[in-house]
Amino acid sequence: MKDFRGLNVWQKAHATALNIYRTTKCFPDEERFGLTSQLRRAAISVPSNIAEGCGRQSDRELANFLNIAAGSASEVEYQLLLAKDLDYVTNDQHQLLEANINEVKRMLNSFINKINQAKS
């Protein structure tokens, strides 16, 4: 078992989720059960899956949860684009959040590759 709080990728994913929660507070009320909910759930799925993987017994299981986190990060990336195209976020907000989630994706891919190389 690993302590997820010490992982840079978890810290970055957690900070990104917090920023998405703050940003979605300004979304229209009619999106409460639509895009607001979807974006928030996808955003918290990333650090949640990292944490769950760290609680597993094997690196294989950890890598599986990291892959799930990467999929959720891609979901966040699309939903941020949709929010921008709907004018729910400014271009500046979108650029910042997109840069954050893309950094998380790169970090996840690097971590997954490192685990897979160690298994070989």
N, C-alpha and C. Protein backbone atom coordinates (compact mmCIF):
# COMPACT_ATOMS: atom_id res chain seq x y z
N MET A 1 0.83 -1.18 0.00
CA MET A 1 0.00 0.00 0.00
C MET A 1 0.88 1.25 0.00
N LYS A 2 0.43 2.24 -0.76
CA LYS A 2 1.16 3.50 -0.85
C LYS A 2 0.30 4.62 -0.24
N ASP A 3 0.95 5.65 0.27
CA ASP A 3 0.23 6.81 0.78
C ASP A 3 -0.01 7.76 -0.39
N PHE A 4 -1.25 7.83 -0.85
CA PHE A 4 -1.57 8.64 -2.03
C PHE A 4 -1.31 10.12 -1.81
N ARG A 5 -1.42 10.60 -0.57
CA ARG A 5 -1.23 12.03 -0.30
C ARG A 5 0.16 12.53 -0.66
N GLY A 6 1.13 11.63 -0.66
CA GLY A 6 2.50 12.01 -0.98
C GLY A 6 2.81 12.01 -2.47
N LEU A 7 1.88 11.55 -3.28
CA LEU A 7 2.11 11.50 -4.73
C LEU A 7 1.82 12.84 -5.37
N ASN A 8 2.77 13.34 -6.14
CA ASN A 8 2.58 14.61 -6.83
C ASN A 8 1.37 14.58 -7.76
N VAL A 9 1.16 13.45 -8.43
CA VAL A 9 0.03 13.35 -9.36
C VAL A 9 -1.30 13.45 -8.60
N TRP A 10 -1.39 12.85 -7.42
CA TRP A 10 -2.61 12.96 -6.63
C TRP A 10 -2.80 14.41 -6.18
N GLN A 11 -1.74 15.05 -5.71
CA GLN A 11 -1.84 16.44 -5.25
C GLN A 11 -2.32 17.35 -6.37
N LYS A 12 -1.79 17.16 -7.58
CA LYS A 12 -2.20 17.97 -8.73
C LYS A 12 -3.64 17.67 -9.12
N ALA A 13 -4.03 16.40 -9.09
CA ALA A 13 -5.41 16.02 -9.42
C ALA A 13 -6.38 16.57 -8.38
N HIS A 14 -6.00 16.53 -7.13
CA HIS A 14 -6.85 17.07 -6.05
C HIS A 14 -7.03 18.58 -6.21
N ALA A 15 -5.94 19.29 -6.47
CA ALA A 15 -6.01 20.74 -6.67
C ALA A 15 -6.88 21.07 -7.87
N THR A 16 -6.77 20.28 -8.92
CA THR A 16 -7.58 20.51 -10.12
C THR A 16 -9.06 20.29 -9.81
N ALA A 17 -9.37 19.25 -9.06
CA ALA A 17 -10.76 18.99 -8.67
C ALA A 17 -11.32 20.15 -7.85
N LEU A 18 -10.52 20.66 -6.93
CA LEU A 18 -10.96 21.81 -6.13
C LEU A 18 -11.23 23.02 -7.03
N ASN A 19 -10.34 23.26 -7.99
CA ASN A 19 -10.54 24.39 -8.91
C ASN A 19 -11.79 24.20 -9.77
N ILE A 20 -12.06 22.99 -10.18
CA ILE A 20 -13.26 22.73 -10.97
C ILE A 20 -14.50 22.95 -10.12
N TYR A 21 -14.49 22.53 -8.88
CA TYR A 21 -15.63 22.80 -7.99
C TYR A 21 -15.87 24.30 -7.86
N ARG A 22 -14.80 25.05 -7.66
CA ARG A 22 -14.95 26.51 -7.53
C ARG A 22 -15.48 27.13 -8.82
N THR A 23 -14.99 26.65 -9.95
CA THR A 23 -15.40 27.20 -11.24
C THR A 23 -16.85 26.88 -11.55
N THR A 24 -17.29 25.68 -11.24
CA THR A 24 -18.65 25.27 -11.58
C THR A 24 -19.71 25.90 -10.68
N LYS A 25 -19.30 26.56 -9.60
CA LYS A 25 -20.26 27.29 -8.76
C LYS A 25 -20.98 28.36 -9.58
N CYS A 26 -20.33 28.85 -10.62
CA CYS A 26 -20.89 29.92 -11.45
C CYS A 26 -21.68 29.40 -12.64
N PHE A 27 -21.78 28.09 -12.81
CA PHE A 27 -22.55 27.55 -13.92
C PHE A 27 -24.04 27.85 -13.71
N PRO A 28 -24.81 27.90 -14.78
CA PRO A 28 -26.25 28.17 -14.65
C PRO A 28 -26.96 27.12 -13.77
N ASP A 29 -27.99 27.55 -13.07
CA ASP A 29 -28.74 26.64 -12.20
C ASP A 29 -29.30 25.44 -12.95
N GLU A 30 -29.68 25.65 -14.21
CA GLU A 30 -30.27 24.54 -14.96
C GLU A 30 -29.24 23.44 -15.27
N GLU A 31 -27.96 23.73 -15.05
CA GLU A 31 -26.91 22.73 -15.28
C GLU A 31 -26.55 21.96 -14.00
N ARG A 32 -27.24 22.26 -12.90
CA ARG A 32 -26.91 21.62 -11.62
C ARG A 32 -26.85 20.10 -11.74
N PHE A 33 -27.84 19.51 -12.45
CA PHE A 33 -27.88 18.05 -12.58
C PHE A 33 -27.34 17.59 -13.94
N GLY A 34 -26.81 18.52 -14.70
CA GLY A 34 -26.25 18.21 -16.01
C GLY A 34 -24.74 18.35 -15.99
N LEU A 35 -24.25 19.33 -16.70
CA LEU A 35 -22.81 19.49 -16.87
C LEU A 35 -22.09 19.76 -15.55
N THR A 36 -22.68 20.52 -14.66
CA THR A 36 -22.03 20.79 -13.37
C THR A 36 -21.76 19.48 -12.64
N SER A 37 -22.78 18.65 -12.54
CA SER A 37 -22.64 17.37 -11.85
C SER A 37 -21.66 16.45 -12.56
N GLN A 38 -21.77 16.35 -13.88
CA GLN A 38 -20.89 15.47 -14.65
C GLN A 38 -19.43 15.89 -14.51
N LEU A 39 -19.17 17.18 -14.64
CA LEU A 39 -17.81 17.69 -14.57
C LEU A 39 -17.22 17.48 -13.18
N ARG A 40 -18.00 17.74 -12.17
CA ARG A 40 -17.52 17.54 -10.81
C ARG A 40 -17.23 16.06 -10.53
N ARG A 41 -18.13 15.18 -10.95
CA ARG A 41 -17.93 13.75 -10.71
C ARG A 41 -16.69 13.23 -11.45
N ALA A 42 -16.52 13.67 -12.69
CA ALA A 42 -15.33 13.24 -13.44
C ALA A 42 -14.06 13.78 -12.78
N ALA A 43 -14.13 15.04 -12.32
CA ALA A 43 -12.95 15.65 -11.69
C ALA A 43 -12.55 14.94 -10.41
N ILE A 44 -13.53 14.56 -9.59
CA ILE A 44 -13.16 13.88 -8.34
C ILE A 44 -12.84 12.41 -8.56
N SER A 45 -13.24 11.88 -9.70
CA SER A 45 -12.89 10.50 -10.03
C SER A 45 -11.39 10.33 -10.21
N VAL A 46 -10.72 11.37 -10.68
CA VAL A 46 -9.28 11.26 -10.95
C VAL A 46 -8.51 11.03 -9.65
N PRO A 47 -8.55 11.94 -8.67
CA PRO A 47 -7.80 11.68 -7.44
C PRO A 47 -8.37 10.51 -6.64
N SER A 48 -9.68 10.26 -6.76
CA SER A 48 -10.28 9.13 -6.05
C SER A 48 -9.72 7.80 -6.54
N ASN A 49 -9.59 7.65 -7.85
CA ASN A 49 -9.05 6.40 -8.39
C ASN A 49 -7.57 6.24 -8.08
N ILE A 50 -6.84 7.34 -8.04
CA ILE A 50 -5.43 7.27 -7.64
C ILE A 50 -5.36 6.77 -6.19
N ALA A 51 -6.19 7.34 -5.34
CA ALA A 51 -6.20 6.94 -3.92
C ALA A 51 -6.61 5.47 -3.78
N GLU A 52 -7.64 5.05 -4.51
CA GLU A 52 -8.09 3.66 -4.40
C GLU A 52 -7.00 2.70 -4.88
N GLY A 53 -6.34 3.05 -5.97
CA GLY A 53 -5.26 2.20 -6.47
C GLY A 53 -4.13 2.06 -5.48
N CYS A 54 -3.84 3.14 -4.76
CA CYS A 54 -2.78 3.09 -3.75
C CYS A 54 -3.15 2.18 -2.58
N GLY A 55 -4.43 1.96 -2.38
CA GLY A 55 -4.88 1.09 -1.30
C GLY A 55 -4.90 -0.38 -1.68
N ARG A 56 -4.60 -0.68 -2.91
CA ARG A 56 -4.59 -2.07 -3.38
C ARG A 56 -3.25 -2.72 -3.09
N GLN A 57 -3.23 -4.03 -3.21
CA GLN A 57 -2.05 -4.80 -2.80
C GLN A 57 -0.98 -4.96 -3.87
N SER A 58 -1.35 -4.77 -5.14
CA SER A 58 -0.36 -5.03 -6.18
C SER A 58 -0.20 -3.83 -7.11
N ASP A 59 0.95 -3.78 -7.75
CA ASP A 59 1.20 -2.73 -8.74
C ASP A 59 0.28 -2.89 -9.94
N ARG A 60 -0.10 -4.12 -10.25
CA ARG A 60 -1.03 -4.36 -11.36
C ARG A 60 -2.37 -3.69 -11.09
N GLU A 61 -2.87 -3.85 -9.86
CA GLU A 61 -4.13 -3.20 -9.49
C GLU A 61 -3.97 -1.68 -9.49
N LEU A 62 -2.85 -1.19 -8.97
CA LEU A 62 -2.59 0.24 -8.97
C LEU A 62 -2.62 0.78 -10.39
N ALA A 63 -1.93 0.11 -11.31
CA ALA A 63 -1.90 0.55 -12.71
C ALA A 63 -3.31 0.58 -13.31
N ASN A 64 -4.13 -0.40 -12.96
CA ASN A 64 -5.50 -0.42 -13.46
C ASN A 64 -6.28 0.81 -13.00
N PHE A 65 -6.16 1.17 -11.74
CA PHE A 65 -6.86 2.35 -11.23
C PHE A 65 -6.28 3.64 -11.80
N LEU A 66 -4.99 3.66 -12.07
CA LEU A 66 -4.40 4.83 -12.71
C LEU A 66 -4.93 4.99 -14.13
N ASN A 67 -5.15 3.88 -14.81
CA ASN A 67 -5.75 3.93 -16.15
C ASN A 67 -7.18 4.47 -16.10
N ILE A 68 -7.92 4.07 -15.10
CA ILE A 68 -9.28 4.59 -14.92
C ILE A 68 -9.22 6.09 -14.65
N ALA A 69 -8.28 6.51 -13.82
CA ALA A 69 -8.10 7.94 -13.53
C ALA A 69 -7.78 8.71 -14.81
N ALA A 70 -6.93 8.13 -15.66
CA ALA A 70 -6.58 8.79 -16.92
C ALA A 70 -7.80 8.93 -17.82
N GLY A 71 -8.66 7.93 -17.83
CA GLY A 71 -9.89 8.02 -18.61
C GLY A 71 -10.79 9.13 -18.08
N SER A 72 -10.90 9.24 -16.78
CA SER A 72 -11.69 10.31 -16.18
C SER A 72 -11.09 11.68 -16.50
N ALA A 73 -9.78 11.76 -16.52
CA ALA A 73 -9.11 13.03 -16.86
C ALA A 73 -9.46 13.44 -18.29
N SER A 74 -9.52 12.48 -19.20
CA SER A 74 -9.92 12.80 -20.57
C SER A 74 -11.38 13.26 -20.62
N GLU A 75 -12.20 12.66 -19.80
CA GLU A 75 -13.60 13.09 -19.70
C GLU A 75 -13.68 14.54 -19.22
N VAL A 76 -12.90 14.88 -18.23
CA VAL A 76 -12.84 16.26 -17.73
C VAL A 76 -12.40 17.20 -18.84
N GLU A 77 -11.39 16.78 -19.60
CA GLU A 77 -10.88 17.62 -20.68
C GLU A 77 -11.99 17.96 -21.67
N TYR A 78 -12.78 16.96 -22.06
CA TYR A 78 -13.89 17.24 -22.98
C TYR A 78 -14.95 18.14 -22.34
N GLN A 79 -15.32 17.84 -21.12
CA GLN A 79 -16.38 18.61 -20.47
C GLN A 79 -15.97 20.07 -20.26
N LEU A 80 -14.69 20.31 -20.05
CA LEU A 80 -14.21 21.70 -19.97
C LEU A 80 -14.35 22.40 -21.32
N LEU A 81 -14.06 21.68 -22.39
CA LEU A 81 -14.24 22.23 -23.73
C LEU A 81 -15.71 22.57 -23.98
N LEU A 82 -16.59 21.68 -23.59
CA LEU A 82 -18.03 21.93 -23.73
C LEU A 82 -18.44 23.16 -22.93
N ALA A 83 -17.95 23.27 -21.70
CA ALA A 83 -18.28 24.42 -20.86
C ALA A 83 -17.79 25.71 -21.50
N LYS A 84 -16.63 25.68 -22.13
CA LYS A 84 -16.12 26.87 -22.82
C LYS A 84 -17.00 27.20 -24.02
N ASP A 85 -17.34 26.19 -24.79
CA ASP A 85 -18.16 26.43 -25.98
C ASP A 85 -19.57 26.91 -25.64
N LEU A 86 -20.03 26.57 -24.45
CA LEU A 86 -21.34 27.06 -23.98
C LEU A 86 -21.22 28.40 -23.26
N ASP A 87 -20.02 28.95 -23.20
CA ASP A 87 -19.72 30.21 -22.53
C ASP A 87 -19.99 30.17 -21.02
N TYR A 88 -19.77 28.99 -20.43
CA TYR A 88 -19.89 28.87 -18.97
C TYR A 88 -18.57 29.21 -18.29
N VAL A 89 -17.47 29.10 -19.03
CA VAL A 89 -16.15 29.50 -18.52
C VAL A 89 -15.51 30.40 -19.57
N THR A 90 -14.65 31.27 -19.11
CA THR A 90 -13.93 32.16 -20.02
C THR A 90 -12.80 31.38 -20.69
N ASN A 91 -12.26 31.96 -21.73
CA ASN A 91 -11.10 31.34 -22.39
C ASN A 91 -9.94 31.18 -21.41
N ASP A 92 -9.72 32.20 -20.57
CA ASP A 92 -8.63 32.12 -19.59
C ASP A 92 -8.85 30.99 -18.59
N GLN A 93 -10.09 30.87 -18.09
CA GLN A 93 -10.40 29.78 -17.15
C GLN A 93 -10.18 28.43 -17.83
N HIS A 94 -10.66 28.33 -19.06
CA HIS A 94 -10.51 27.08 -19.79
C HIS A 94 -9.05 26.72 -20.00
N GLN A 95 -8.26 27.68 -20.41
CA GLN A 95 -6.84 27.41 -20.66
C GLN A 95 -6.13 26.93 -19.39
N LEU A 96 -6.43 27.57 -18.27
CA LEU A 96 -5.80 27.18 -17.01
C LEU A 96 -6.22 25.77 -16.59
N LEU A 97 -7.52 25.50 -16.62
CA LEU A 97 -8.01 24.19 -16.20
C LEU A 97 -7.56 23.10 -17.17
N GLU A 98 -7.57 23.41 -18.46
CA GLU A 98 -7.12 22.43 -19.44
C GLU A 98 -5.63 22.12 -19.26
N ALA A 99 -4.83 23.13 -19.00
CA ALA A 99 -3.40 22.91 -18.74
C ALA A 99 -3.22 22.04 -17.51
N ASN A 100 -4.02 22.27 -16.47
CA ASN A 100 -3.93 21.47 -15.25
C ASN A 100 -4.27 20.02 -15.51
N ILE A 101 -5.39 19.78 -16.21
CA ILE A 101 -5.82 18.39 -16.43
C ILE A 101 -4.87 17.69 -17.39
N ASN A 102 -4.31 18.41 -18.36
CA ASN A 102 -3.34 17.79 -19.25
C ASN A 102 -2.04 17.43 -18.53
N GLU A 103 -1.65 18.24 -17.56
CA GLU A 103 -0.49 17.90 -16.74
C GLU A 103 -0.76 16.64 -15.93
N VAL A 104 -1.96 16.55 -15.38
CA VAL A 104 -2.34 15.35 -14.63
C VAL A 104 -2.29 14.13 -15.55
N LYS A 105 -2.80 14.26 -16.76
CA LYS A 105 -2.77 13.15 -17.71
C LYS A 105 -1.34 12.71 -18.02
N ARG A 106 -0.45 13.67 -18.23
CA ARG A 106 0.96 13.34 -18.49
C ARG A 106 1.59 12.63 -17.29
N MET A 107 1.29 13.13 -16.11
CA MET A 107 1.83 12.53 -14.90
C MET A 107 1.31 11.10 -14.71
N LEU A 108 0.03 10.91 -14.98
CA LEU A 108 -0.55 9.57 -14.88
C LEU A 108 0.10 8.61 -15.87
N ASN A 109 0.24 9.06 -17.11
CA ASN A 109 0.87 8.20 -18.12
C ASN A 109 2.30 7.84 -17.73
N SER A 110 3.03 8.79 -17.20
CA SER A 110 4.39 8.53 -16.76
C SER A 110 4.41 7.51 -15.62
N PHE A 111 3.50 7.67 -14.67
CA PHE A 111 3.42 6.76 -13.52
C PHE A 111 3.04 5.35 -14.00
N ILE A 112 2.07 5.26 -14.90
CA ILE A 112 1.66 3.96 -15.44
C ILE A 112 2.83 3.29 -16.16
N ASN A 113 3.54 4.05 -16.98
CA ASN A 113 4.70 3.50 -17.68
C ASN A 113 5.77 3.00 -16.72
N LYS A 114 6.00 3.75 -15.66
CA LYS A 114 6.99 3.37 -14.65
C LYS A 114 6.59 2.05 -13.98
N ILE A 115 5.33 1.91 -13.65
CA ILE A 115 4.85 0.67 -13.02
C ILE A 115 4.98 -0.49 -14.01
N ASN A 116 4.59 -0.27 -15.24
CA ASN A 116 4.65 -1.34 -16.25
C ASN A 116 6.08 -1.77 -16.53
N GLN A 117 7.02 -0.82 -16.51
CA GLN A 117 8.43 -1.18 -16.72
C GLN A 117 8.97 -1.99 -15.55
N ALA A 118 8.52 -1.67 -14.35
CA ALA A 118 8.97 -2.40 -13.17
C ALA A 118 8.45 -3.83 -13.17
N LYS A 119 7.27 -4.05 -13.79
CA LYS A 119 6.70 -5.39 -13.87
C LYS A 119 7.42 -6.26 -14.88
N SER A 120 8.06 -5.62 -15.86
CA SER A 120 8.72 -6.38 -16.94
C SER A 120 10.01 -6.99 -16.51
